[in-house]
Amino acid sequence: MPDITSAPPLPPALAAALQDYLAHLGVERGLSANTVAAYRRDLGRYARHLHTTGRSVLDDVGERDVEEYVVVLRQGSDGGASLSPSSTARALAAVRGWHRFAHAEGTTSADPASQVHAPSALRRLPHALSIDEVAGLLDAAGAGDGAVPLRDRALLELLYSTGGRISEVVGLDVDDVDGLLDNGGHDGGHDGGGPRAGSVRLRGKGDKERVVPVGSYARTALEAYLVRARAPLASAGRGTPALFLNTRGARLSRQSAWSVLQAAAERAGLTQHVSPHTLRHSFATHLLAGGADVRVVQELLGHASVTTTQIYTMVTRDALREVYAAAHPRALG
């Protein structure tokens, strides 16, 4: 394959900067010839793109140039192949490495690629339960007498009401629950929906804490559990601040919580696979379908970036398309 840096359309300064980086990869970092050739292909395409957009010196490149190149890679608008998200990420990694090297060597005054990220591949989400399916699941969790059904109903109600991860909910202590027993578990119509109306403090990834409101159904289930069930369960143990307890009086584990959900799904007659994340997905999907702003849902889910939450908007758009296709008289040809 010909050396891209010797191609006539490439400006000398750009070609020299690229050749310096390739030499660094091969000599100083000791990468194999095949790996250096792959870098040459990826960066040769980038260098040609820069030249066609009027950038003849690497120091002229700005962050927007790099961002636009990511779009070019995905669309293939430069005449090259359109790349998948994973291939785009690989090509962008080469670009980021080149700019980082050039900045460290003093060739450029800044690193325009340091904050540019490749688009992530959309993950396939588990199918969200319908509202009726969720209601059936929660009813099934509370079937029977005694402390355990009250605990199970409160656990699943809280998972669906808050969209919390299973680890966050089983990690709750009694003190993390606010505004329940002190107002009788009812709205009362006087607190204006403030924090004392019922909320929990969830601790997510990176030990980041967020306060999430608790809906009236979950508040009622939690009140019933705290008043009538937690003390009998706690009597079997040595004392723990945990909110949800097992029959030995210790904190309920993630595995046990998973079993509670599986048993409730089986009793409810749900044929699809149901996991704790299914309730989290259902929570987000139902909120967005009901008109909630995606950034509000982001805060409730504890996502660091709104782009993670936007994956749920794809689910609701699909549902809208299905309704449109079925209902509009001229939707189908």
C-alpha atoms as a PDB file:
ATOM      1  CA  MET A   1       0.000   0.000   0.000  1.00  0.00           C
ATOM      2  CA  PRO A   2       1.434   3.437  -0.913  1.00  0.00           C
ATOM      3  CA  ASP A   3       2.529   5.759   1.859  1.00  0.00           C
ATOM      4  CA  ILE A   4      -0.379   8.144   2.418  1.00  0.00           C
ATOM      5  CA  THR A   5       2.018  10.862   3.537  1.00  0.00           C
ATOM      6  CA  SER A   6       3.535  10.944   0.030  1.00  0.00           C
ATOM      7  CA  ALA A   7       0.173  11.418  -1.733  1.00  0.00           C
ATOM      8  CA  PRO A   8       0.246  14.717  -3.722  1.00  0.00           C
ATOM      9  CA  PRO A   9      -2.959  16.178  -2.214  1.00  0.00           C
ATOM     10  CA  LEU A  10      -1.522  16.089   1.337  1.00  0.00           C
ATOM     11  CA  PRO A  11       0.222  19.331   2.406  1.00  0.00           C
ATOM     12  CA  PRO A  12       3.893  18.875   3.391  1.00  0.00           C
ATOM     13  CA  ALA A  13       3.452  20.106   6.986  1.00  0.00           C
ATOM     14  CA  LEU A  14       0.544  17.770   7.594  1.00  0.00           C
ATOM     15  CA  ALA A  15       2.384  14.864   5.979  1.00  0.00           C
ATOM     16  CA  ALA A  16       5.489  15.506   8.082  1.00  0.00           C
ATOM     17  CA  ALA A  17       3.465  15.664  11.310  1.00  0.00           C
ATOM     18  CA  LEU A  18       1.820  12.365  10.460  1.00  0.00           C
ATOM     19  CA  GLN A  19       5.093  10.716   9.539  1.00  0.00           C
ATOM     20  CA  ASP A  20       6.606  11.821  12.869  1.00  0.00           C
ATOM     21  CA  TYR A  21       3.742  10.188  14.759  1.00  0.00           C
ATOM     22  CA  LEU A  22       3.926   6.961  12.773  1.00  0.00           C
ATOM     23  CA  ALA A  23       7.673   6.804  13.437  1.00  0.00           C
ATOM     24  CA  HIS A  24       6.976   7.311  17.135  1.00  0.00           C
ATOM     25  CA  LEU A  25       4.520   4.406  17.094  1.00  0.00           C
ATOM     26  CA  GLY A  26       6.905   2.087  15.329  1.00  0.00           C
ATOM     27  CA  VAL A  27      10.194   3.021  16.970  1.00  0.00           C
ATOM     28  CA  GLU A  28       9.495   4.409  20.419  1.00  0.00           C
ATOM     29  CA  ARG A  29       6.376   2.446  21.248  1.00  0.00           C
ATOM     30  CA  GLY A  30       7.480  -0.635  19.357  1.00  0.00           C
ATOM     31  CA  LEU A  31       4.170  -1.377  17.657  1.00  0.00           C
ATOM     32  CA  SER A  32       4.125  -4.041  14.986  1.00  0.00           C
ATOM     33  CA  ALA A  33       4.280  -3.205  11.293  1.00  0.00           C
ATOM     34  CA  ASN A  34       0.661  -4.313  10.848  1.00  0.00           C
ATOM     35  CA  THR A  35      -0.508  -2.073  13.678  1.00  0.00           C
ATOM     36  CA  VAL A  36       1.397   0.917  12.314  1.00  0.00           C
ATOM     37  CA  ALA A  37      -0.134   0.214   8.891  1.00  0.00           C
ATOM     38  CA  ALA A  38      -3.605   0.319  10.446  1.00  0.00           C
ATOM     39  CA  TYR A  39      -2.782   3.685  12.042  1.00  0.00           C
ATOM     40  CA  ARG A  40      -1.490   4.869   8.683  1.00  0.00           C
ATOM     41  CA  ARG A  41      -4.787   4.013   6.997  1.00  0.00           C
ATOM     42  CA  ASP A  42      -6.953   5.604   9.682  1.00  0.00           C
ATOM     43  CA  LEU A  43      -4.880   8.755  10.023  1.00  0.00           C
ATOM     44  CA  GLY A  44      -4.320   9.049   6.290  1.00  0.00           C
ATOM     45  CA  ARG A  45      -8.078   9.331   5.837  1.00  0.00           C
ATOM     46  CA  TYR A  46      -8.216  11.920   8.606  1.00  0.00           C
ATOM     47  CA  ALA A  47      -5.344  13.932   7.089  1.00  0.00           C
ATOM     48  CA  ARG A  48      -7.033  13.970   3.681  1.00  0.00           C
ATOM     49  CA  HIS A  49     -10.254  15.152   5.304  1.00  0.00           C
ATOM     50  CA  LEU A  50      -8.408  17.962   7.075  1.00  0.00           C
ATOM     51  CA  HIS A  51      -6.843  19.058   3.805  1.00  0.00           C
ATOM     52  CA  THR A  52     -10.170  19.118   1.965  1.00  0.00           C
ATOM     53  CA  THR A  53     -11.603  21.342   4.707  1.00  0.00           C
ATOM     54  CA  GLY A  54      -8.751  23.825   4.416  1.00  0.00           C
ATOM     55  CA  ARG A  55      -6.506  22.652   7.247  1.00  0.00           C
ATOM     56  CA  SER A  56      -2.924  22.386   6.005  1.00  0.00           C
ATOM     57  CA  VAL A  57      -1.225  22.580   9.417  1.00  0.00           C
ATOM     58  CA  LEU A  58      -2.152  20.426  12.411  1.00  0.00           C
ATOM     59  CA  ASP A  59      -2.185  23.449  14.699  1.00  0.00           C
ATOM     60  CA  ASP A  60      -5.075  24.879  12.646  1.00  0.00           C
ATOM     61  CA  VAL A  61      -7.363  22.026  13.687  1.00  0.00           C
ATOM     62  CA  GLY A  62     -10.061  22.816  16.245  1.00  0.00           C
ATOM     63  CA  GLU A  63     -12.393  20.670  18.311  1.00  0.00           C
ATOM     64  CA  ARG A  64     -15.229  21.228  15.869  1.00  0.00           C
ATOM     65  CA  ASP A  65     -13.081  19.843  13.033  1.00  0.00           C
ATOM     66  CA  VAL A  66     -12.614  16.615  14.977  1.00  0.00           C
ATOM     67  CA  GLU A  67     -16.322  16.424  15.847  1.00  0.00           C
ATOM     68  CA  GLU A  68     -17.255  16.907  12.195  1.00  0.00           C
ATOM     69  CA  TYR A  69     -14.860  14.134  11.216  1.00  0.00           C
ATOM     70  CA  VAL A  70     -16.688  11.728  13.531  1.00  0.00           C
ATOM     71  CA  VAL A  71     -19.860  12.490  11.562  1.00  0.00           C
ATOM     72  CA  VAL A  72     -17.970  11.942   8.304  1.00  0.00           C
ATOM     73  CA  LEU A  73     -16.824   8.531   9.498  1.00  0.00           C
ATOM     74  CA  ARG A  74     -20.357   7.493  10.412  1.00  0.00           C
ATOM     75  CA  GLN A  75     -21.872   8.738   7.163  1.00  0.00           C
ATOM     76  CA  GLY A  76     -19.026   8.038   4.746  1.00  0.00           C
ATOM     77  CA  SER A  77     -19.558  11.492   3.273  1.00  0.00           C
ATOM     78  CA  ASP A  78     -15.879  11.794   2.293  1.00  0.00           C
ATOM     79  CA  GLY A  79     -16.221   8.953  -0.196  1.00  0.00           C
ATOM     80  CA  GLY A  80     -14.843   6.388   2.233  1.00  0.00           C
ATOM     81  CA  ALA A  81     -16.700   3.604   3.970  1.00  0.00           C
ATOM     82  CA  SER A  82     -19.307   4.517   6.566  1.00  0.00           C
ATOM     83  CA  LEU A  83     -18.180   3.013   9.847  1.00  0.00           C
ATOM     84  CA  SER A  84     -20.022   1.312  12.675  1.00  0.00           C
ATOM     85  CA  PRO A  85     -19.895   2.896  16.136  1.00  0.00           C
ATOM     86  CA  SER A  86     -17.140   0.491  17.202  1.00  0.00           C
ATOM     87  CA  SER A  87     -15.027   1.166  14.087  1.00  0.00           C
ATOM     88  CA  THR A  88     -15.608   4.892  14.494  1.00  0.00           C
ATOM     89  CA  ALA A  89     -14.362   4.649  18.077  1.00  0.00           C
ATOM     90  CA  ARG A  90     -11.206   2.887  16.867  1.00  0.00           C
ATOM     91  CA  ALA A  91     -10.539   5.499  14.184  1.00  0.00           C
ATOM     92  CA  LEU A  92     -11.163   8.331  16.639  1.00  0.00           C
ATOM     93  CA  ALA A  93      -8.756   6.734  19.116  1.00  0.00           C
ATOM     94  CA  ALA A  94      -6.040   6.998  16.465  1.00  0.00           C
ATOM     95  CA  VAL A  95      -6.914  10.663  15.859  1.00  0.00           C
ATOM     96  CA  ARG A  96      -6.862  11.405  19.585  1.00  0.00           C
ATOM     97  CA  GLY A  97      -3.482   9.719  19.905  1.00  0.00           C
ATOM     98  CA  TRP A  98      -2.009  11.797  17.083  1.00  0.00           C
ATOM     99  CA  HIS A  99      -3.246  15.089  18.537  1.00  0.00           C
ATOM    100  CA  ARG A 100      -2.119  14.131  22.044  1.00  0.00           C
ATOM    101  CA  PHE A 101       1.363  13.325  20.725  1.00  0.00           C
ATOM    102  CA  ALA A 102       1.573  16.538  18.692  1.00  0.00           C
ATOM    103  CA  HIS A 103       0.583  18.644  21.701  1.00  0.00           C
ATOM    104  CA  ALA A 104       3.042  16.876  23.997  1.00  0.00           C
ATOM    105  CA  GLU A 105       5.823  17.420  21.457  1.00  0.00           C
ATOM    106  CA  GLY A 106       4.996  21.124  21.156  1.00  0.00           C
ATOM    107  CA  THR A 107       3.930  20.817  17.528  1.00  0.00           C
ATOM    108  CA  THR A 108       0.493  22.212  18.395  1.00  0.00           C
ATOM    109  CA  SER A 109      -0.601  24.723  21.010  1.00  0.00           C
ATOM    110  CA  ALA A 110      -3.627  22.691  22.102  1.00  0.00           C
ATOM    111  CA  ASP A 111      -5.186  19.238  21.890  1.00  0.00           C
ATOM    112  CA  PRO A 112      -8.491  19.688  20.014  1.00  0.00           C
ATOM    113  CA  ALA A 113      -9.472  15.996  20.241  1.00  0.00           C
ATOM    114  CA  SER A 114      -9.210  15.493  24.003  1.00  0.00           C
ATOM    115  CA  GLN A 115     -12.904  16.143  24.669  1.00  0.00           C
ATOM    116  CA  VAL A 116     -14.329  14.501  21.542  1.00  0.00           C
ATOM    117  CA  HIS A 117     -15.944  11.114  22.053  1.00  0.00           C
ATOM    118  CA  ALA A 118     -17.218   8.559  19.593  1.00  0.00           C
ATOM    119  CA  PRO A 119     -20.934   7.710  19.534  1.00  0.00           C
ATOM    120  CA  SER A 120     -21.659   4.602  21.547  1.00  0.00           C
ATOM    121  CA  ALA A 121     -23.592   1.738  20.060  1.00  0.00           C
ATOM    122  CA  LEU A 122     -27.177   1.690  21.264  1.00  0.00           C
ATOM    123  CA  ARG A 123     -27.694  -1.188  23.639  1.00  0.00           C
ATOM    124  CA  ARG A 124     -30.659  -3.442  23.076  1.00  0.00           C
ATOM    125  CA  LEU A 125     -33.017  -2.743  25.935  1.00  0.00           C
ATOM    126  CA  PRO A 126     -35.195  -5.386  27.570  1.00  0.00           C
ATOM    127  CA  HIS A 127     -38.814  -4.952  26.584  1.00  0.00           C
ATOM    128  CA  ALA A 128     -40.561  -2.662  29.060  1.00  0.00           C
ATOM    129  CA  LEU A 129     -43.588  -4.051  30.843  1.00  0.00           C
ATOM    130  CA  SER A 130     -46.950  -2.466  30.194  1.00  0.00           C
ATOM    131  CA  ILE A 131     -48.615  -0.587  33.032  1.00  0.00           C
ATOM    132  CA  ASP A 132     -51.109  -3.457  33.463  1.00  0.00           C
ATOM    133  CA  GLU A 133     -48.269  -5.989  33.566  1.00  0.00           C
ATOM    134  CA  VAL A 134     -46.511  -3.968  36.264  1.00  0.00           C
ATOM    135  CA  ALA A 135     -49.734  -3.813  38.294  1.00  0.00           C
ATOM    136  CA  GLY A 136     -50.160  -7.586  37.990  1.00  0.00           C
ATOM    137  CA  LEU A 137     -46.553  -8.156  39.029  1.00  0.00           C
ATOM    138  CA  LEU A 138     -46.867  -5.963  42.110  1.00  0.00           C
ATOM    139  CA  ASP A 139     -50.158  -7.560  43.145  1.00  0.00           C
ATOM    140  CA  ALA A 140     -48.556 -11.001  42.812  1.00  0.00           C
ATOM    141  CA  ALA A 141     -45.627  -9.942  45.007  1.00  0.00           C
ATOM    142  CA  GLY A 142     -47.965  -9.117  47.893  1.00  0.00           C
ATOM    143  CA  ALA A 143     -50.090 -12.240  47.683  1.00  0.00           C
ATOM    144  CA  GLY A 144     -50.378 -14.182  50.934  1.00  0.00           C
ATOM    145  CA  ASP A 145     -50.205 -13.453  54.640  1.00  0.00           C
ATOM    146  CA  GLY A 146     -47.355 -12.582  56.950  1.00  0.00           C
ATOM    147  CA  ALA A 147     -44.311 -10.363  56.957  1.00  0.00           C
ATOM    148  CA  VAL A 148     -42.633 -11.675  53.804  1.00  0.00           C
ATOM    149  CA  PRO A 149     -45.421 -10.748  51.323  1.00  0.00           C
ATOM    150  CA  LEU A 150     -45.578  -7.251  52.846  1.00  0.00           C
ATOM    151  CA  ARG A 151     -41.812  -6.914  52.407  1.00  0.00           C
ATOM    152  CA  ASP A 152     -41.902  -8.250  48.853  1.00  0.00           C
ATOM    153  CA  ARG A 153     -44.682  -5.877  47.801  1.00  0.00           C
ATOM    154  CA  ALA A 154     -42.870  -2.893  49.331  1.00  0.00           C
ATOM    155  CA  LEU A 155     -39.598  -3.912  47.665  1.00  0.00           C
ATOM    156  CA  LEU A 156     -41.021  -4.174  44.155  1.00  0.00           C
ATOM    157  CA  GLU A 157     -43.245  -1.123  44.567  1.00  0.00           C
ATOM    158  CA  LEU A 158     -40.179   0.888  45.527  1.00  0.00           C
ATOM    159  CA  LEU A 159     -38.129  -0.463  42.602  1.00  0.00           C
ATOM    160  CA  TYR A 160     -40.807   0.604  40.132  1.00  0.00           C
ATOM    161  CA  SER A 161     -41.684   3.874  41.905  1.00  0.00           C
ATOM    162  CA  THR A 162     -38.098   5.150  41.972  1.00  0.00           C
ATOM    163  CA  GLY A 163     -36.457   3.422  38.999  1.00  0.00           C
ATOM    164  CA  GLY A 164     -33.672   2.490  41.392  1.00  0.00           C
ATOM    165  CA  ARG A 165     -31.090  -0.174  40.677  1.00  0.00           C
ATOM    166  CA  ILE A 166     -31.525  -3.332  42.712  1.00  0.00           C
ATOM    167  CA  SER A 167     -28.239  -2.664  44.532  1.00  0.00           C
ATOM    168  CA  GLU A 168     -29.432   0.849  45.450  1.00  0.00           C
ATOM    169  CA  VAL A 169     -32.759  -0.325  46.856  1.00  0.00           C
ATOM    170  CA  VAL A 170     -31.479  -3.270  48.904  1.00  0.00           C
ATOM    171  CA  GLY A 171     -28.729  -0.934  50.144  1.00  0.00           C
ATOM    172  CA  LEU A 172     -31.250   1.428  51.707  1.00  0.00           C
ATOM    173  CA  ASP A 173     -31.329   1.950  55.465  1.00  0.00           C
ATOM    174  CA  VAL A 174     -34.452   2.927  57.350  1.00  0.00           C
ATOM    175  CA  ASP A 175     -33.036   6.437  57.811  1.00  0.00           C
ATOM    176  CA  ASP A 176     -32.813   6.836  54.021  1.00  0.00           C
ATOM    177  CA  VAL A 177     -36.622   6.922  53.816  1.00  0.00           C
ATOM    178  CA  ASP A 178     -38.222  10.305  54.551  1.00  0.00           C
ATOM    179  CA  GLY A 179     -41.775  11.513  55.034  1.00  0.00           C
ATOM    180  CA  LEU A 180     -43.639   8.239  55.519  1.00  0.00           C
ATOM    181  CA  LEU A 181     -44.561   7.334  59.077  1.00  0.00           C
ATOM    182  CA  ASP A 182     -44.454  10.938  60.277  1.00  0.00           C
ATOM    183  CA  ASN A 183     -47.397  11.846  58.015  1.00  0.00           C
ATOM    184  CA  GLY A 184     -49.253   8.570  58.192  1.00  0.00           C
ATOM    185  CA  GLY A 185     -48.133   7.503  54.768  1.00  0.00           C
ATOM    186  CA  HIS A 186     -50.646   9.818  53.102  1.00  0.00           C
ATOM    187  CA  ASP A 187     -50.267  12.909  50.964  1.00  0.00           C
ATOM    188  CA  GLY A 188     -52.471  14.970  53.249  1.00  0.00           C
ATOM    189  CA  GLY A 189     -52.861  17.567  50.515  1.00  0.00           C
ATOM    190  CA  HIS A 190     -50.880  20.151  52.437  1.00  0.00           C
ATOM    191  CA  ASP A 191     -47.213  19.599  51.715  1.00  0.00           C
ATOM    192  CA  GLY A 192     -47.267  20.693  48.080  1.00  0.00           C
ATOM    193  CA  GLY A 193     -45.322  17.630  46.922  1.00  0.00           C
ATOM    194  CA  GLY A 194     -42.195  18.708  48.802  1.00  0.00           C
ATOM    195  CA  PRO A 195     -39.520  16.403  50.151  1.00  0.00           C
ATOM    196  CA  ARG A 196     -41.615  15.383  53.178  1.00  0.00           C
ATOM    197  CA  ALA A 197     -44.291  13.927  50.851  1.00  0.00           C
ATOM    198  CA  GLY A 198     -42.151  10.801  50.710  1.00  0.00           C
ATOM    199  CA  SER A 199     -38.693  10.285  49.259  1.00  0.00           C
ATOM    200  CA  VAL A 200     -35.672   8.013  49.445  1.00  0.00           C
ATOM    201  CA  ARG A 201     -31.959   8.734  49.277  1.00  0.00           C
ATOM    202  CA  LEU A 202     -30.417   6.362  46.762  1.00  0.00           C
ATOM    203  CA  ARG A 203     -26.658   5.903  46.476  1.00  0.00           C
ATOM    204  CA  GLY A 204     -25.641   5.146  42.921  1.00  0.00           C
ATOM    205  CA  LYS A 205     -22.452   4.512  41.014  1.00  0.00           C
ATOM    206  CA  GLY A 206     -19.445   6.309  42.429  1.00  0.00           C
ATOM    207  CA  ASP A 207     -21.334   6.619  45.743  1.00  0.00           C
ATOM    208  CA  LYS A 208     -23.270   9.556  44.298  1.00  0.00           C
ATOM    209  CA  GLU A 209     -26.411  10.288  46.260  1.00  0.00           C
ATOM    210  CA  ARG A 210     -29.739  11.413  44.824  1.00  0.00           C
ATOM    211  CA  VAL A 211     -33.144  12.011  46.402  1.00  0.00           C
ATOM    212  CA  VAL A 212     -36.019  10.421  44.515  1.00  0.00           C
ATOM    213  CA  PRO A 213     -39.726  10.944  45.289  1.00  0.00           C
ATOM    214  CA  VAL A 214     -41.823   7.920  46.212  1.00  0.00           C
ATOM    215  CA  GLY A 215     -45.291   7.519  44.706  1.00  0.00           C
ATOM    216  CA  SER A 216     -48.409   6.982  46.799  1.00  0.00           C
ATOM    217  CA  TYR A 217     -48.701   3.245  46.064  1.00  0.00           C
ATOM    218  CA  ALA A 218     -45.108   2.626  47.114  1.00  0.00           C
ATOM    219  CA  ARG A 219     -45.555   4.845  50.193  1.00  0.00           C
ATOM    220  CA  THR A 220     -48.582   2.814  51.266  1.00  0.00           C
ATOM    221  CA  ALA A 221     -46.707  -0.459  50.731  1.00  0.00           C
ATOM    222  CA  LEU A 222     -43.669   0.816  52.624  1.00  0.00           C
ATOM    223  CA  GLU A 223     -45.801   2.029  55.523  1.00  0.00           C
ATOM    224  CA  ALA A 224     -47.476  -1.364  55.783  1.00  0.00           C
ATOM    225  CA  TYR A 225     -44.102  -3.096  55.750  1.00  0.00           C
ATOM    226  CA  LEU A 226     -42.514  -0.779  58.325  1.00  0.00           C
ATOM    227  CA  VAL A 227     -45.477  -0.915  60.704  1.00  0.00           C
ATOM    228  CA  ARG A 228     -46.436  -4.580  60.441  1.00  0.00           C
ATOM    229  CA  ALA A 229     -43.557  -6.594  59.006  1.00  0.00           C
ATOM    230  CA  ARG A 230     -40.077  -5.208  59.590  1.00  0.00           C
ATOM    231  CA  ALA A 231     -40.086  -5.658  63.380  1.00  0.00           C
ATOM    232  CA  PRO A 232     -40.998  -9.373  63.209  1.00  0.00           C
ATOM    233  CA  LEU A 233     -38.244  -9.932  60.633  1.00  0.00           C
ATOM    234  CA  ALA A 234     -35.739  -7.905  62.655  1.00  0.00           C
ATOM    235  CA  SER A 235     -36.431  -9.969  65.791  1.00  0.00           C
ATOM    236  CA  ALA A 236     -34.607 -12.906  64.210  1.00  0.00           C
ATOM    237  CA  GLY A 237     -31.389 -10.930  63.848  1.00  0.00           C
ATOM    238  CA  ARG A 238     -28.936  -8.907  65.864  1.00  0.00           C
ATOM    239  CA  GLY A 239     -30.082  -5.474  64.807  1.00  0.00           C
ATOM    240  CA  THR A 240     -29.352  -3.722  61.510  1.00  0.00           C
ATOM    241  CA  PRO A 241     -30.297  -0.352  60.022  1.00  0.00           C
ATOM    242  CA  ALA A 242     -31.195  -2.030  56.710  1.00  0.00           C
ATOM    243  CA  LEU A 243     -34.637  -1.233  55.341  1.00  0.00           C
ATOM    244  CA  PHE A 244     -35.344  -4.595  53.723  1.00  0.00           C
ATOM    245  CA  LEU A 245     -34.605  -7.669  55.824  1.00  0.00           C
ATOM    246  CA  ASN A 246     -34.498 -11.391  55.158  1.00  0.00           C
ATOM    247  CA  THR A 247     -36.073 -13.994  57.423  1.00  0.00           C
ATOM    248  CA  ARG A 248     -32.872 -14.134  59.494  1.00  0.00           C
ATOM    249  CA  GLY A 249     -33.135 -10.437  60.335  1.00  0.00           C
ATOM    250  CA  ALA A 250     -30.199  -9.406  58.128  1.00  0.00           C
ATOM    251  CA  ARG A 251     -30.097  -7.137  55.094  1.00  0.00           C
ATOM    252  CA  LEU A 252     -31.840  -8.630  52.060  1.00  0.00           C
ATOM    253  CA  SER A 253     -29.276  -9.525  49.393  1.00  0.00           C
ATOM    254  CA  ARG A 254     -29.433  -8.699  45.697  1.00  0.00           C
ATOM    255  CA  GLN A 255     -29.806 -12.387  44.907  1.00  0.00           C
ATOM    256  CA  SER A 256     -32.758 -12.739  47.278  1.00  0.00           C
ATOM    257  CA  ALA A 257     -34.390  -9.628  45.837  1.00  0.00           C
ATOM    258  CA  TRP A 258     -33.949 -11.105  42.368  1.00  0.00           C
ATOM    259  CA  SER A 259     -35.685 -14.292  43.560  1.00  0.00           C
ATOM    260  CA  VAL A 260     -38.559 -12.232  44.946  1.00  0.00           C
ATOM    261  CA  LEU A 261     -39.046 -10.639  41.524  1.00  0.00           C
ATOM    262  CA  GLN A 262     -38.803 -13.937  39.653  1.00  0.00           C
ATOM    263  CA  ALA A 263     -41.373 -15.567  41.911  1.00  0.00           C
ATOM    264  CA  ALA A 264     -43.773 -12.629  41.510  1.00  0.00           C
ATOM    265  CA  ALA A 265     -43.373 -12.675  37.720  1.00  0.00           C
ATOM    266  CA  GLU A 266     -44.162 -16.381  37.645  1.00  0.00           C
ATOM    267  CA  ARG A 267     -47.256 -15.952  39.811  1.00  0.00           C
ATOM    268  CA  ALA A 268     -48.380 -13.032  37.611  1.00  0.00           C
ATOM    269  CA  GLY A 269     -48.120 -15.242  34.530  1.00  0.00           C
ATOM    270  CA  LEU A 270     -45.559 -13.065  32.757  1.00  0.00           C
ATOM    271  CA  THR A 271     -43.963 -15.067  29.955  1.00  0.00           C
ATOM    272  CA  GLN A 272     -41.100 -12.701  29.157  1.00  0.00           C
ATOM    273  CA  HIS A 273     -37.886 -12.626  31.153  1.00  0.00           C
ATOM    274  CA  VAL A 274     -38.230 -10.104  33.979  1.00  0.00           C
ATOM    275  CA  SER A 275     -35.199  -8.742  35.805  1.00  0.00           C
ATOM    276  CA  PRO A 276     -34.777  -5.888  38.285  1.00  0.00           C
ATOM    277  CA  HIS A 277     -33.587  -3.770  35.348  1.00  0.00           C
ATOM    278  CA  THR A 278     -36.900  -4.514  33.609  1.00  0.00           C
ATOM    279  CA  LEU A 279     -38.637  -2.451  36.272  1.00  0.00           C
ATOM    280  CA  ARG A 280     -36.039   0.294  35.841  1.00  0.00           C
ATOM    281  CA  HIS A 281     -36.605   0.315  32.078  1.00  0.00           C
ATOM    282  CA  SER A 282     -40.371   0.304  32.588  1.00  0.00           C
ATOM    283  CA  PHE A 283     -40.089   3.236  35.016  1.00  0.00           C
ATOM    284  CA  ALA A 284     -38.161   5.333  32.470  1.00  0.00           C
ATOM    285  CA  THR A 285     -40.307   4.323  29.503  1.00  0.00           C
ATOM    286  CA  HIS A 286     -43.588   5.064  31.301  1.00  0.00           C
ATOM    287  CA  LEU A 287     -42.341   8.466  32.486  1.00  0.00           C
ATOM    288  CA  LEU A 288     -41.238   9.522  29.006  1.00  0.00           C
ATOM    289  CA  ALA A 289     -44.419   8.187  27.431  1.00  0.00           C
ATOM    290  CA  GLY A 290     -46.343  10.267  29.963  1.00  0.00           C
ATOM    291  CA  GLY A 291     -44.562  13.443  28.878  1.00  0.00           C
ATOM    292  CA  ALA A 292     -41.702  13.699  31.377  1.00  0.00           C
ATOM    293  CA  ASP A 293     -38.667  15.701  30.267  1.00  0.00           C
ATOM    294  CA  VAL A 294     -35.685  13.498  29.452  1.00  0.00           C
ATOM    295  CA  ARG A 295     -33.421  15.510  31.782  1.00  0.00           C
ATOM    296  CA  VAL A 296     -35.796  14.950  34.688  1.00  0.00           C
ATOM    297  CA  VAL A 297     -35.707  11.218  33.971  1.00  0.00           C
ATOM    298  CA  GLN A 298     -31.902  11.464  33.796  1.00  0.00           C
ATOM    299  CA  GLU A 299     -31.793  12.890  37.318  1.00  0.00           C
ATOM    300  CA  LEU A 300     -34.203  10.301  38.650  1.00  0.00           C
ATOM    301  CA  LEU A 301     -32.214   7.427  37.155  1.00  0.00           C
ATOM    302  CA  GLY A 302     -28.901   8.843  38.327  1.00  0.00           C
ATOM    303  CA  HIS A 303     -27.346   8.880  34.854  1.00  0.00           C
ATOM    304  CA  ALA A 304     -24.191  10.971  34.596  1.00  0.00           C
ATOM    305  CA  SER A 305     -24.965  11.899  30.975  1.00  0.00           C
ATOM    306  CA  VAL A 306     -28.290  12.596  29.288  1.00  0.00           C
ATOM    307  CA  THR A 307     -27.112  10.577  26.281  1.00  0.00           C
ATOM    308  CA  THR A 308     -27.487   7.448  28.401  1.00  0.00           C
ATOM    309  CA  THR A 309     -31.092   8.375  29.168  1.00  0.00           C
ATOM    310  CA  GLN A 310     -31.914   9.234  25.561  1.00  0.00           C
ATOM    311  CA  ILE A 311     -31.774   5.559  24.688  1.00  0.00           C
ATOM    312  CA  TYR A 312     -35.226   5.295  26.291  1.00  0.00           C
ATOM    313  CA  THR A 313     -36.626   7.884  23.903  1.00  0.00           C
ATOM    314  CA  MET A 314     -35.990   5.364  21.124  1.00  0.00           C
ATOM    315  CA  VAL A 315     -38.377   2.984  22.869  1.00  0.00           C
ATOM    316  CA  THR A 316     -41.134   5.561  23.117  1.00  0.00           C
ATOM    317  CA  ARG A 317     -40.646   6.663  19.491  1.00  0.00           C
ATOM    318  CA  ASP A 318     -41.055   3.055  18.408  1.00  0.00           C
ATOM    319  CA  ALA A 319     -44.298   2.861  20.365  1.00  0.00           C
ATOM    320  CA  LEU A 320     -45.519   6.078  18.734  1.00  0.00           C
ATOM    321  CA  ARG A 321     -44.731   4.716  15.292  1.00  0.00           C
ATOM    322  CA  GLU A 322     -46.650   1.513  16.038  1.00  0.00           C
ATOM    323  CA  VAL A 323     -49.709   3.456  17.204  1.00  0.00           C
ATOM    324  CA  TYR A 324     -49.511   5.743  14.170  1.00  0.00           C
ATOM    325  CA  ALA A 325     -49.229   2.838  11.739  1.00  0.00           C
ATOM    326  CA  ALA A 326     -52.197   1.091  13.326  1.00  0.00           C
ATOM    327  CA  ALA A 327     -54.454   4.118  13.751  1.00  0.00           C
ATOM    328  CA  HIS A 328     -53.868   6.565  10.881  1.00  0.00           C
ATOM    329  CA  PRO A 329     -56.110   5.841   7.870  1.00  0.00           C
ATOM    330  CA  ARG A 330     -53.348   6.650   5.399  1.00  0.00           C
ATOM    331  CA  ALA A 331     -50.348   5.376   7.316  1.00  0.00           C
ATOM    332  CA  LEU A 332     -50.018   2.197   5.259  1.00  0.00           C
ATOM    333  CA  GLY A 333     -49.850   2.099   1.480  1.00  0.00           C
END
